[in-house]
Amino acid sequence: MNRKVYSLLMGALIVTLLAASVSVSASDLTIGIVLKSFSNPFWMMAKTAAEAEAARQGVNVIVVGTTTETDPLAQVAQIEDFVTQGVDLIAVVPSDASALVPAVEDAVAKGIPVFALDSAIRSDKVRSFIASDNYAGGKMAAEYIGEQLGGSGAVAVIRGRVGDAVELERYNGFIDGLKAYPDIKLVAEGGANWEADQGYNVMEDFLIAHPEIKAVFAESDRMILGAAGACAAAGRTDVILVGLDGIVEALRAVQDGTISADVAQRPDLIGEYAVKYGAALLRGEDVAERIVTPMELAVPDNVEPLIALWEALGF
């Protein structure tokens, strides 16, 4: 074999070995994702989309959730378990902005980058924050209600877990949005911890104490669906009901007139982006510190394509 042929063969062998090495290293990457309650379709859609993106990217993904929406202790244990398993990156939807900080910073100290999803974590060690603009979502709800009421009337707000980062952003956006309508009066507010049954109870109390209420914004879809049940039970079909999340049940409720509108997030993109940008970071690519997922105000005229996104993933 002459030197030229030998060199060509060796070059081809090296390229083949390098390609195999890249393939193996890609398939060896594992991303751990900590969501909230899988009883919430929002997080089930995020999970489904994350798993689909992992298949496209050729990486492994482990997705875990909690029993309730507000269980930071369980999430701390899940983060610690991912560290023990030796995953390459962790993405987490924090149920508390502060409670997860020690576990997150311990993971980072051990060489595992961390992404925050949907809600911020109070740590400068978080590598990237992937979420909608929750303040803008609350303001969008206020603007819709203001227009529907013609600029005057009594309104109420059903809050999530009061004081959470996401809750405050949605609440502040709603309150600031109402400032453009000085003749709209906020007459009642109550916390329902993101849950449908508590949303029902809060709405029931609103209707008894403030029968003049003409519109209600709930900071999550589960709460607005609970509120809709309370309105139906009381025979109050006149109340404008607006939620925020974009789960398929709420979108279908917009379609059939059970609620008036929904500020729709894209939970599929939260899951997809966690894997897409997580894999990119692990492969040495640059990833932005803030990645915004879109929102859209869903009303009867435009809700069908949003429902189709869910149905395409089997919901």
C-alpha atoms as a PDB file:
ATOM      1  CA  MET A   1       0.000   0.000   0.000  1.00  0.00           C
ATOM      2  CA  ASN A   2       1.487   3.320  -1.016  1.00  0.00           C
ATOM      3  CA  ARG A   3       1.754   6.245   1.382  1.00  0.00           C
ATOM      4  CA  LYS A   4      -1.017   8.264  -0.336  1.00  0.00           C
ATOM      5  CA  VAL A   5      -3.602   5.460  -0.180  1.00  0.00           C
ATOM      6  CA  TYR A   6      -2.613   4.716   3.413  1.00  0.00           C
ATOM      7  CA  SER A   7      -3.110   8.371   4.371  1.00  0.00           C
ATOM      8  CA  LEU A   8      -6.516   8.466   2.732  1.00  0.00           C
ATOM      9  CA  LEU A   9      -7.662   5.318   4.523  1.00  0.00           C
ATOM     10  CA  MET A  10      -6.411   6.556   7.874  1.00  0.00           C
ATOM     11  CA  GLY A  11      -8.167   9.885   7.335  1.00  0.00           C
ATOM     12  CA  ALA A  12     -11.422   8.123   6.565  1.00  0.00           C
ATOM     13  CA  LEU A  13     -11.010   5.940   9.661  1.00  0.00           C
ATOM     14  CA  ILE A  14     -10.419   8.970  11.889  1.00  0.00           C
ATOM     15  CA  VAL A  15     -13.537  10.731  10.504  1.00  0.00           C
ATOM     16  CA  THR A  16     -15.597   7.598  11.116  1.00  0.00           C
ATOM     17  CA  LEU A  17     -14.322   7.256  14.692  1.00  0.00           C
ATOM     18  CA  LEU A  18     -14.982  10.921  15.420  1.00  0.00           C
ATOM     19  CA  ALA A  19     -18.510  10.655  14.062  1.00  0.00           C
ATOM     20  CA  ALA A  20     -19.139   7.593  16.199  1.00  0.00           C
ATOM     21  CA  SER A  21     -17.760   9.421  19.209  1.00  0.00           C
ATOM     22  CA  VAL A  22     -20.107  12.381  18.655  1.00  0.00           C
ATOM     23  CA  SER A  23     -23.064  10.027  18.224  1.00  0.00           C
ATOM     24  CA  VAL A  24     -22.287   8.150  21.421  1.00  0.00           C
ATOM     25  CA  SER A  25     -21.741  11.335  23.407  1.00  0.00           C
ATOM     26  CA  ALA A  26     -25.055  12.748  22.159  1.00  0.00           C
ATOM     27  CA  SER A  27     -26.992   9.635  23.101  1.00  0.00           C
ATOM     28  CA  ASP A  28     -25.287   9.623  26.491  1.00  0.00           C
ATOM     29  CA  LEU A  29     -26.601  13.085  27.381  1.00  0.00           C
ATOM     30  CA  THR A  30     -29.391  13.045  29.965  1.00  0.00           C
ATOM     31  CA  ILE A  31     -31.601  15.974  30.905  1.00  0.00           C
ATOM     32  CA  GLY A  32     -33.673  15.808  34.090  1.00  0.00           C
ATOM     33  CA  ILE A  33     -36.860  17.887  34.183  1.00  0.00           C
ATOM     34  CA  VAL A  34     -38.789  18.682  37.361  1.00  0.00           C
ATOM     35  CA  LEU A  35     -42.347  19.844  36.675  1.00  0.00           C
ATOM     36  CA  LYS A  36     -45.337  20.405  38.949  1.00  0.00           C
ATOM     37  CA  SER A  37     -48.461  18.248  39.291  1.00  0.00           C
ATOM     38  CA  PHE A  38     -49.201  15.812  36.483  1.00  0.00           C
ATOM     39  CA  SER A  39     -52.882  16.164  37.370  1.00  0.00           C
ATOM     40  CA  ASN A  40     -52.591  19.512  35.581  1.00  0.00           C
ATOM     41  CA  PRO A  41     -52.812  19.025  31.780  1.00  0.00           C
ATOM     42  CA  PHE A  42     -50.489  22.004  31.327  1.00  0.00           C
ATOM     43  CA  TRP A  43     -47.572  20.016  32.743  1.00  0.00           C
ATOM     44  CA  MET A  44     -48.590  16.815  30.974  1.00  0.00           C
ATOM     45  CA  MET A  45     -48.351  18.682  27.673  1.00  0.00           C
ATOM     46  CA  ALA A  46     -44.939  20.055  28.655  1.00  0.00           C
ATOM     47  CA  LYS A  47     -43.848  16.496  29.511  1.00  0.00           C
ATOM     48  CA  THR A  48     -45.096  15.075  26.197  1.00  0.00           C
ATOM     49  CA  ALA A  49     -43.368  17.826  24.208  1.00  0.00           C
ATOM     50  CA  ALA A  50     -40.104  17.407  26.141  1.00  0.00           C
ATOM     51  CA  GLU A  51     -40.060  13.684  25.403  1.00  0.00           C
ATOM     52  CA  ALA A  52     -40.776  14.282  21.714  1.00  0.00           C
ATOM     53  CA  GLU A  53     -37.966  16.844  21.474  1.00  0.00           C
ATOM     54  CA  ALA A  54     -35.566  14.479  23.239  1.00  0.00           C
ATOM     55  CA  ALA A  55     -36.242  11.890  20.554  1.00  0.00           C
ATOM     56  CA  ARG A  56     -35.526  14.493  17.853  1.00  0.00           C
ATOM     57  CA  GLN A  57     -32.333  15.641  19.566  1.00  0.00           C
ATOM     58  CA  GLY A  58     -31.077  12.118  20.269  1.00  0.00           C
ATOM     59  CA  VAL A  59     -30.739  12.719  24.017  1.00  0.00           C
ATOM     60  CA  ASN A  60     -32.259  11.088  27.062  1.00  0.00           C
ATOM     61  CA  VAL A  61     -34.812  12.891  29.213  1.00  0.00           C
ATOM     62  CA  ILE A  62     -36.285  12.003  32.602  1.00  0.00           C
ATOM     63  CA  VAL A  63     -39.402  13.984  33.522  1.00  0.00           C
ATOM     64  CA  VAL A  64     -40.800  13.960  37.053  1.00  0.00           C
ATOM     65  CA  GLY A  65     -43.692  15.779  38.688  1.00  0.00           C
ATOM     66  CA  THR A  66     -45.275  16.333  42.078  1.00  0.00           C
ATOM     67  CA  THR A  67     -48.601  15.396  43.627  1.00  0.00           C
ATOM     68  CA  THR A  68     -49.744  19.002  44.065  1.00  0.00           C
ATOM     69  CA  GLU A  69     -48.876  22.313  42.420  1.00  0.00           C
ATOM     70  CA  THR A  70     -47.203  23.618  45.577  1.00  0.00           C
ATOM     71  CA  ASP A  71     -44.719  21.052  46.902  1.00  0.00           C
ATOM     72  CA  PRO A  72     -41.219  22.553  47.038  1.00  0.00           C
ATOM     73  CA  LEU A  73     -39.941  19.851  49.415  1.00  0.00           C
ATOM     74  CA  ALA A  74     -40.721  17.159  46.853  1.00  0.00           C
ATOM     75  CA  GLN A  75     -38.981  19.205  44.159  1.00  0.00           C
ATOM     76  CA  VAL A  76     -35.868  19.610  46.314  1.00  0.00           C
ATOM     77  CA  ALA A  77     -35.753  15.823  46.724  1.00  0.00           C
ATOM     78  CA  GLN A  78     -36.169  15.358  42.961  1.00  0.00           C
ATOM     79  CA  ILE A  79     -33.321  17.765  42.184  1.00  0.00           C
ATOM     80  CA  GLU A  80     -31.090  15.993  44.695  1.00  0.00           C
ATOM     81  CA  ASP A  81     -32.010  12.659  43.122  1.00  0.00           C
ATOM     82  CA  PHE A  82     -31.064  13.928  39.667  1.00  0.00           C
ATOM     83  CA  VAL A  83     -27.699  15.031  41.055  1.00  0.00           C
ATOM     84  CA  THR A  84     -27.172  11.554  42.505  1.00  0.00           C
ATOM     85  CA  GLN A  85     -28.108   9.984  39.157  1.00  0.00           C
ATOM     86  CA  GLY A  86     -25.505  12.173  37.440  1.00  0.00           C
ATOM     87  CA  VAL A  87     -27.736  13.833  34.849  1.00  0.00           C
ATOM     88  CA  ASP A  88     -26.042  16.371  32.600  1.00  0.00           C
ATOM     89  CA  LEU A  89     -28.538  19.218  33.014  1.00  0.00           C
ATOM     90  CA  ILE A  90     -31.578  19.933  35.196  1.00  0.00           C
ATOM     91  CA  ALA A  91     -34.588  22.040  34.204  1.00  0.00           C
ATOM     92  CA  VAL A  92     -37.128  22.853  36.900  1.00  0.00           C
ATOM     93  CA  VAL A  93     -40.489  24.583  37.234  1.00  0.00           C
ATOM     94  CA  PRO A  94     -40.122  25.920  40.785  1.00  0.00           C
ATOM     95  CA  SER A  95     -43.143  25.873  43.068  1.00  0.00           C
ATOM     96  CA  ASP A  96     -41.252  28.310  45.293  1.00  0.00           C
ATOM     97  CA  ALA A  97     -38.667  30.849  44.110  1.00  0.00           C
ATOM     98  CA  SER A  98     -36.538  30.581  47.262  1.00  0.00           C
ATOM     99  CA  ALA A  99     -37.011  27.100  48.708  1.00  0.00           C
ATOM    100  CA  LEU A 100     -35.200  25.410  45.803  1.00  0.00           C
ATOM    101  CA  VAL A 101     -32.155  27.689  45.860  1.00  0.00           C
ATOM    102  CA  PRO A 102     -29.837  25.501  48.025  1.00  0.00           C
ATOM    103  CA  ALA A 103     -30.551  22.375  45.952  1.00  0.00           C
ATOM    104  CA  VAL A 104     -30.126  24.273  42.675  1.00  0.00           C
ATOM    105  CA  GLU A 105     -26.856  25.881  43.729  1.00  0.00           C
ATOM    106  CA  ASP A 106     -25.532  22.540  44.994  1.00  0.00           C
ATOM    107  CA  ALA A 107     -26.264  21.003  41.575  1.00  0.00           C
ATOM    108  CA  VAL A 108     -24.459  23.850  39.819  1.00  0.00           C
ATOM    109  CA  ALA A 109     -21.494  23.528  42.196  1.00  0.00           C
ATOM    110  CA  LYS A 110     -21.247  19.882  41.146  1.00  0.00           C
ATOM    111  CA  GLY A 111     -21.057  20.819  37.491  1.00  0.00           C
ATOM    112  CA  ILE A 112     -24.703  20.383  36.500  1.00  0.00           C
ATOM    113  CA  PRO A 113     -26.212  23.466  34.824  1.00  0.00           C
ATOM    114  CA  VAL A 114     -29.775  24.380  35.807  1.00  0.00           C
ATOM    115  CA  PHE A 115     -32.564  25.988  33.776  1.00  0.00           C
ATOM    116  CA  ALA A 116     -35.636  27.580  35.388  1.00  0.00           C
ATOM    117  CA  LEU A 117     -38.905  27.003  33.547  1.00  0.00           C
ATOM    118  CA  ASP A 118     -42.102  29.078  33.733  1.00  0.00           C
ATOM    119  CA  SER A 119     -41.124  30.775  37.006  1.00  0.00           C
ATOM    120  CA  ALA A 120     -37.857  32.323  38.172  1.00  0.00           C
ATOM    121  CA  ILE A 121     -35.578  30.935  40.883  1.00  0.00           C
ATOM    122  CA  ARG A 122     -33.926  33.506  43.135  1.00  0.00           C
ATOM    123  CA  SER A 123     -30.355  32.548  42.281  1.00  0.00           C
ATOM    124  CA  ASP A 124     -27.791  33.983  39.900  1.00  0.00           C
ATOM    125  CA  LYS A 125     -26.503  30.446  39.346  1.00  0.00           C
ATOM    126  CA  VAL A 126     -29.440  29.570  37.054  1.00  0.00           C
ATOM    127  CA  ARG A 127     -28.062  29.336  33.510  1.00  0.00           C
ATOM    128  CA  SER A 128     -31.236  30.173  31.576  1.00  0.00           C
ATOM    129  CA  PHE A 129     -34.842  31.128  32.319  1.00  0.00           C
ATOM    130  CA  ILE A 130     -37.479  29.859  29.862  1.00  0.00           C
ATOM    131  CA  ALA A 131     -40.960  31.299  30.382  1.00  0.00           C
ATOM    132  CA  SER A 132     -43.791  33.427  29.102  1.00  0.00           C
ATOM    133  CA  ASP A 133     -44.037  37.064  30.149  1.00  0.00           C
ATOM    134  CA  ASN A 134     -46.511  36.557  32.989  1.00  0.00           C
ATOM    135  CA  TYR A 135     -46.826  40.274  33.685  1.00  0.00           C
ATOM    136  CA  ALA A 136     -47.867  40.848  30.072  1.00  0.00           C
ATOM    137  CA  GLY A 137     -50.372  37.990  30.396  1.00  0.00           C
ATOM    138  CA  GLY A 138     -52.070  39.596  33.376  1.00  0.00           C
ATOM    139  CA  LYS A 139     -52.182  42.930  31.582  1.00  0.00           C
ATOM    140  CA  MET A 140     -53.659  41.265  28.505  1.00  0.00           C
ATOM    141  CA  ALA A 141     -56.495  39.906  30.655  1.00  0.00           C
ATOM    142  CA  ALA A 142     -57.168  43.364  32.123  1.00  0.00           C
ATOM    143  CA  GLU A 143     -57.285  44.964  28.690  1.00  0.00           C
ATOM    144  CA  TYR A 144     -59.763  42.377  27.423  1.00  0.00           C
ATOM    145  CA  ILE A 145     -62.014  42.836  30.448  1.00  0.00           C
ATOM    146  CA  GLY A 146     -61.786  46.620  30.162  1.00  0.00           C
ATOM    147  CA  GLU A 147     -62.886  46.514  26.548  1.00  0.00           C
ATOM    148  CA  GLN A 148     -65.688  44.044  27.200  1.00  0.00           C
ATOM    149  CA  LEU A 149     -67.073  46.142  30.063  1.00  0.00           C
ATOM    150  CA  GLY A 150     -66.872  49.359  28.080  1.00  0.00           C
ATOM    151  CA  GLY A 151     -64.511  50.837  30.648  1.00  0.00           C
ATOM    152  CA  SER A 152     -66.672  50.594  33.776  1.00  0.00           C
ATOM    153  CA  GLY A 153     -67.940  48.006  36.251  1.00  0.00           C
ATOM    154  CA  ALA A 154     -67.000  45.846  39.229  1.00  0.00           C
ATOM    155  CA  VAL A 155     -64.359  43.138  38.816  1.00  0.00           C
ATOM    156  CA  ALA A 156     -62.585  40.565  40.961  1.00  0.00           C
ATOM    157  CA  VAL A 157     -59.402  38.519  40.748  1.00  0.00           C
ATOM    158  CA  ILE A 158     -58.769  34.953  41.888  1.00  0.00           C
ATOM    159  CA  ARG A 159     -55.114  34.662  42.818  1.00  0.00           C
ATOM    160  CA  GLY A 160     -52.913  31.559  42.796  1.00  0.00           C
ATOM    161  CA  ARG A 161     -50.478  30.874  45.589  1.00  0.00           C
ATOM    162  CA  VAL A 162     -50.256  34.454  46.821  1.00  0.00           C
ATOM    163  CA  GLY A 163     -46.707  35.776  46.785  1.00  0.00           C
ATOM    164  CA  ASP A 164     -45.237  33.268  44.324  1.00  0.00           C
ATOM    165  CA  ALA A 165     -43.132  34.867  41.609  1.00  0.00           C
ATOM    166  CA  VAL A 166     -45.521  33.890  38.801  1.00  0.00           C
ATOM    167  CA  GLU A 167     -48.544  34.840  40.873  1.00  0.00           C
ATOM    168  CA  LEU A 168     -47.180  38.308  41.588  1.00  0.00           C
ATOM    169  CA  GLU A 169     -46.267  38.897  37.950  1.00  0.00           C
ATOM    170  CA  ARG A 170     -49.760  37.974  36.754  1.00  0.00           C
ATOM    171  CA  TYR A 171     -51.431  39.938  39.539  1.00  0.00           C
ATOM    172  CA  ASN A 172     -49.322  43.060  39.017  1.00  0.00           C
ATOM    173  CA  GLY A 173     -49.883  42.927  35.270  1.00  0.00           C
ATOM    174  CA  PHE A 174     -53.641  42.721  35.825  1.00  0.00           C
ATOM    175  CA  ILE A 175     -53.699  45.553  38.368  1.00  0.00           C
ATOM    176  CA  ASP A 176     -51.535  47.791  36.197  1.00  0.00           C
ATOM    177  CA  GLY A 177     -53.696  46.997  33.186  1.00  0.00           C
ATOM    178  CA  LEU A 178     -56.817  48.118  35.051  1.00  0.00           C
ATOM    179  CA  LYS A 179     -55.274  51.546  35.638  1.00  0.00           C
ATOM    180  CA  ALA A 180     -56.196  52.443  32.070  1.00  0.00           C
ATOM    181  CA  TYR A 181     -59.859  52.084  33.100  1.00  0.00           C
ATOM    182  CA  PRO A 182     -60.445  54.346  36.131  1.00  0.00           C
ATOM    183  CA  ASP A 183     -64.154  53.517  36.251  1.00  0.00           C
ATOM    184  CA  ILE A 184     -63.494  49.803  36.680  1.00  0.00           C
ATOM    185  CA  LYS A 185     -63.368  48.937  40.380  1.00  0.00           C
ATOM    186  CA  LEU A 186     -61.613  45.920  41.855  1.00  0.00           C
ATOM    187  CA  VAL A 187     -64.080  44.896  44.579  1.00  0.00           C
ATOM    188  CA  ALA A 188     -62.781  41.480  45.621  1.00  0.00           C
ATOM    189  CA  GLU A 189     -59.784  39.200  45.484  1.00  0.00           C
ATOM    190  CA  GLY A 190     -58.991  35.828  47.028  1.00  0.00           C
ATOM    191  CA  GLY A 191     -56.351  33.110  46.842  1.00  0.00           C
ATOM    192  CA  ALA A 192     -57.126  29.656  45.464  1.00  0.00           C
ATOM    193  CA  ASN A 193     -53.641  28.099  45.242  1.00  0.00           C
ATOM    194  CA  TRP A 194     -53.999  27.339  41.515  1.00  0.00           C
ATOM    195  CA  GLU A 195     -56.666  24.671  42.221  1.00  0.00           C
ATOM    196  CA  ALA A 196     -60.106  24.266  40.603  1.00  0.00           C
ATOM    197  CA  ASP A 197     -61.995  23.341  43.772  1.00  0.00           C
ATOM    198  CA  GLN A 198     -60.623  26.349  45.623  1.00  0.00           C
ATOM    199  CA  GLY A 199     -61.441  28.547  42.634  1.00  0.00           C
ATOM    200  CA  TYR A 200     -65.032  27.338  42.885  1.00  0.00           C
ATOM    201  CA  ASN A 201     -65.194  28.218  46.578  1.00  0.00           C
ATOM    202  CA  VAL A 202     -63.646  31.662  46.136  1.00  0.00           C
ATOM    203  CA  MET A 203     -66.024  32.474  43.278  1.00  0.00           C
ATOM    204  CA  GLU A 204     -68.979  31.288  45.307  1.00  0.00           C
ATOM    205  CA  ASP A 205     -67.969  33.709  48.075  1.00  0.00           C
ATOM    206  CA  PHE A 206     -67.518  36.532  45.562  1.00  0.00           C
ATOM    207  CA  LEU A 207     -71.029  36.090  44.185  1.00  0.00           C
ATOM    208  CA  ILE A 208     -72.581  36.177  47.644  1.00  0.00           C
ATOM    209  CA  ALA A 209     -70.585  39.148  48.963  1.00  0.00           C
ATOM    210  CA  HIS A 210     -70.427  41.126  45.713  1.00  0.00           C
ATOM    211  CA  PRO A 211     -73.339  40.312  43.410  1.00  0.00           C
ATOM    212  CA  GLU A 212     -72.440  43.427  41.395  1.00  0.00           C
ATOM    213  CA  ILE A 213     -69.359  41.697  39.951  1.00  0.00           C
ATOM    214  CA  LYS A 214     -69.362  41.769  36.148  1.00  0.00           C
ATOM    215  CA  ALA A 215     -65.990  40.171  35.368  1.00  0.00           C
ATOM    216  CA  VAL A 216     -63.406  37.900  37.004  1.00  0.00           C
ATOM    217  CA  PHE A 217     -59.806  37.187  36.115  1.00  0.00           C
ATOM    218  CA  ALA A 218     -58.313  33.991  37.538  1.00  0.00           C
ATOM    219  CA  GLU A 219     -54.537  33.671  37.399  1.00  0.00           C
ATOM    220  CA  SER A 220     -54.759  30.050  36.221  1.00  0.00           C
ATOM    221  CA  ASP A 221     -57.076  28.005  34.033  1.00  0.00           C
ATOM    222  CA  ARG A 222     -57.906  25.473  36.696  1.00  0.00           C
ATOM    223  CA  MET A 223     -59.142  28.260  38.943  1.00  0.00           C
ATOM    224  CA  ILE A 224     -61.229  29.917  36.208  1.00  0.00           C
ATOM    225  CA  LEU A 225     -62.829  26.567  35.356  1.00  0.00           C
ATOM    226  CA  GLY A 226     -63.728  26.170  39.026  1.00  0.00           C
ATOM    227  CA  ALA A 227     -65.114  29.711  39.017  1.00  0.00           C
ATOM    228  CA  ALA A 228     -67.173  28.897  35.936  1.00  0.00           C
ATOM    229  CA  GLY A 229     -68.722  25.992  37.834  1.00  0.00           C
ATOM    230  CA  ALA A 230     -69.703  28.309  40.688  1.00  0.00           C
ATOM    231  CA  CYS A 231     -71.237  30.803  38.252  1.00  0.00           C
ATOM    232  CA  ALA A 232     -73.216  28.021  36.562  1.00  0.00           C
ATOM    233  CA  ALA A 233     -74.489  26.773  39.923  1.00  0.00           C
ATOM    234  CA  ALA A 234     -75.617  30.305  40.823  1.00  0.00           C
ATOM    235  CA  GLY A 235     -77.214  30.907  37.443  1.00  0.00           C
ATOM    236  CA  ARG A 236     -74.833  33.792  36.715  1.00  0.00           C
ATOM    237  CA  THR A 237     -74.298  33.601  32.976  1.00  0.00           C
ATOM    238  CA  ASP A 238     -73.607  37.338  32.778  1.00  0.00           C
ATOM    239  CA  VAL A 239     -70.109  37.291  34.343  1.00  0.00           C
ATOM    240  CA  ILE A 240     -67.117  37.684  32.026  1.00  0.00           C
ATOM    241  CA  LEU A 241     -64.598  34.970  32.951  1.00  0.00           C
ATOM    242  CA  VAL A 242     -60.955  35.109  31.869  1.00  0.00           C
ATOM    243  CA  GLY A 243     -58.201  32.598  32.697  1.00  0.00           C
ATOM    244  CA  LEU A 244     -54.503  32.324  31.997  1.00  0.00           C
ATOM    245  CA  ASP A 245     -52.551  29.206  30.984  1.00  0.00           C
ATOM    246  CA  GLY A 246     -53.958  27.788  27.791  1.00  0.00           C
ATOM    247  CA  ILE A 247     -54.776  24.232  28.890  1.00  0.00           C
ATOM    248  CA  VAL A 248     -57.003  22.372  26.474  1.00  0.00           C
ATOM    249  CA  GLU A 249     -59.976  22.210  28.870  1.00  0.00           C
ATOM    250  CA  ALA A 250     -59.977  26.006  29.147  1.00  0.00           C
ATOM    251  CA  LEU A 251     -59.597  26.443  25.393  1.00  0.00           C
ATOM    252  CA  ARG A 252     -62.567  24.147  24.826  1.00  0.00           C
ATOM    253  CA  ALA A 253     -64.456  26.145  27.461  1.00  0.00           C
ATOM    254  CA  VAL A 254     -63.779  29.275  25.395  1.00  0.00           C
ATOM    255  CA  GLN A 255     -64.994  27.452  22.318  1.00  0.00           C
ATOM    256  CA  ASP A 256     -68.301  26.395  23.931  1.00  0.00           C
ATOM    257  CA  GLY A 257     -68.855  29.670  25.775  1.00  0.00           C
ATOM    258  CA  THR A 258     -68.310  28.402  29.316  1.00  0.00           C
ATOM    259  CA  ILE A 259     -65.632  31.083  29.804  1.00  0.00           C
ATOM    260  CA  SER A 260     -65.127  34.264  27.820  1.00  0.00           C
ATOM    261  CA  ALA A 261     -61.399  34.225  27.021  1.00  0.00           C
ATOM    262  CA  ASP A 262     -58.109  32.673  27.992  1.00  0.00           C
ATOM    263  CA  VAL A 263     -54.592  34.079  27.881  1.00  0.00           C
ATOM    264  CA  ALA A 264     -52.982  31.045  26.295  1.00  0.00           C
ATOM    265  CA  GLN A 265     -49.397  30.077  26.981  1.00  0.00           C
ATOM    266  CA  ARG A 266     -47.568  27.338  25.082  1.00  0.00           C
ATOM    267  CA  PRO A 267     -46.747  24.566  27.561  1.00  0.00           C
ATOM    268  CA  ASP A 268     -45.508  22.460  24.667  1.00  0.00           C
ATOM    269  CA  LEU A 269     -42.786  25.027  24.003  1.00  0.00           C
ATOM    270  CA  ILE A 270     -41.791  25.132  27.671  1.00  0.00           C
ATOM    271  CA  GLY A 271     -41.057  21.392  27.515  1.00  0.00           C
ATOM    272  CA  GLU A 272     -39.609  21.498  24.009  1.00  0.00           C
ATOM    273  CA  TYR A 273     -37.297  24.434  24.740  1.00  0.00           C
ATOM    274  CA  ALA A 274     -36.036  22.860  27.971  1.00  0.00           C
ATOM    275  CA  VAL A 275     -34.671  19.964  25.923  1.00  0.00           C
ATOM    276  CA  LYS A 276     -33.747  21.876  22.767  1.00  0.00           C
ATOM    277  CA  TYR A 277     -31.704  24.549  24.512  1.00  0.00           C
ATOM    278  CA  GLY A 278     -30.468  22.175  27.192  1.00  0.00           C
ATOM    279  CA  ALA A 279     -29.007  19.913  24.525  1.00  0.00           C
ATOM    280  CA  ALA A 280     -27.550  22.928  22.716  1.00  0.00           C
ATOM    281  CA  LEU A 281     -25.793  24.109  25.876  1.00  0.00           C
ATOM    282  CA  LEU A 282     -24.392  20.653  26.565  1.00  0.00           C
ATOM    283  CA  ARG A 283     -23.017  20.540  23.019  1.00  0.00           C
ATOM    284  CA  GLY A 284     -21.140  23.774  23.588  1.00  0.00           C
ATOM    285  CA  GLU A 285     -23.526  26.160  21.860  1.00  0.00           C
ATOM    286  CA  ASP A 286     -24.408  29.593  23.232  1.00  0.00           C
ATOM    287  CA  VAL A 287     -27.803  29.793  24.952  1.00  0.00           C
ATOM    288  CA  ALA A 288     -29.523  33.027  25.986  1.00  0.00           C
ATOM    289  CA  GLU A 289     -30.081  33.722  29.671  1.00  0.00           C
ATOM    290  CA  ARG A 290     -33.759  34.603  28.987  1.00  0.00           C
ATOM    291  CA  ILE A 291     -35.896  32.756  26.465  1.00  0.00           C
ATOM    292  CA  VAL A 292     -39.497  33.939  26.069  1.00  0.00           C
ATOM    293  CA  THR A 293     -42.319  31.616  25.025  1.00  0.00           C
ATOM    294  CA  PRO A 294     -45.299  33.249  23.277  1.00  0.00           C
ATOM    295  CA  MET A 295     -48.835  33.901  24.518  1.00  0.00           C
ATOM    296  CA  GLU A 296     -52.066  34.624  22.695  1.00  0.00           C
ATOM    297  CA  LEU A 297     -55.485  35.818  23.839  1.00  0.00           C
ATOM    298  CA  ALA A 298     -57.835  32.954  22.972  1.00  0.00           C
ATOM    299  CA  VAL A 299     -61.403  33.977  22.132  1.00  0.00           C
ATOM    300  CA  PRO A 300     -64.066  32.030  20.210  1.00  0.00           C
ATOM    301  CA  ASP A 301     -62.893  33.418  16.853  1.00  0.00           C
ATOM    302  CA  ASN A 302     -59.296  32.156  17.110  1.00  0.00           C
ATOM    303  CA  VAL A 303     -59.329  29.267  19.560  1.00  0.00           C
ATOM    304  CA  GLU A 304     -59.538  26.319  17.154  1.00  0.00           C
ATOM    305  CA  PRO A 305     -55.856  26.335  16.055  1.00  0.00           C
ATOM    306  CA  LEU A 306     -54.775  26.441  19.704  1.00  0.00           C
ATOM    307  CA  ILE A 307     -56.931  23.410  20.481  1.00  0.00           C
ATOM    308  CA  ALA A 308     -55.420  21.669  17.457  1.00  0.00           C
ATOM    309  CA  LEU A 309     -51.923  22.047  18.974  1.00  0.00           C
ATOM    310  CA  TRP A 310     -53.074  20.011  21.954  1.00  0.00           C
ATOM    311  CA  GLU A 311     -54.888  17.430  19.873  1.00  0.00           C
ATOM    312  CA  ALA A 312     -51.782  16.912  17.750  1.00  0.00           C
ATOM    313  CA  LEU A 313     -50.015  15.700  20.906  1.00  0.00           C
ATOM    314  CA  GLY A 314     -52.862  13.376  21.841  1.00  0.00           C
ATOM    315  CA  PHE A 315     -54.864  15.540  24.269  1.00  0.00           C
END
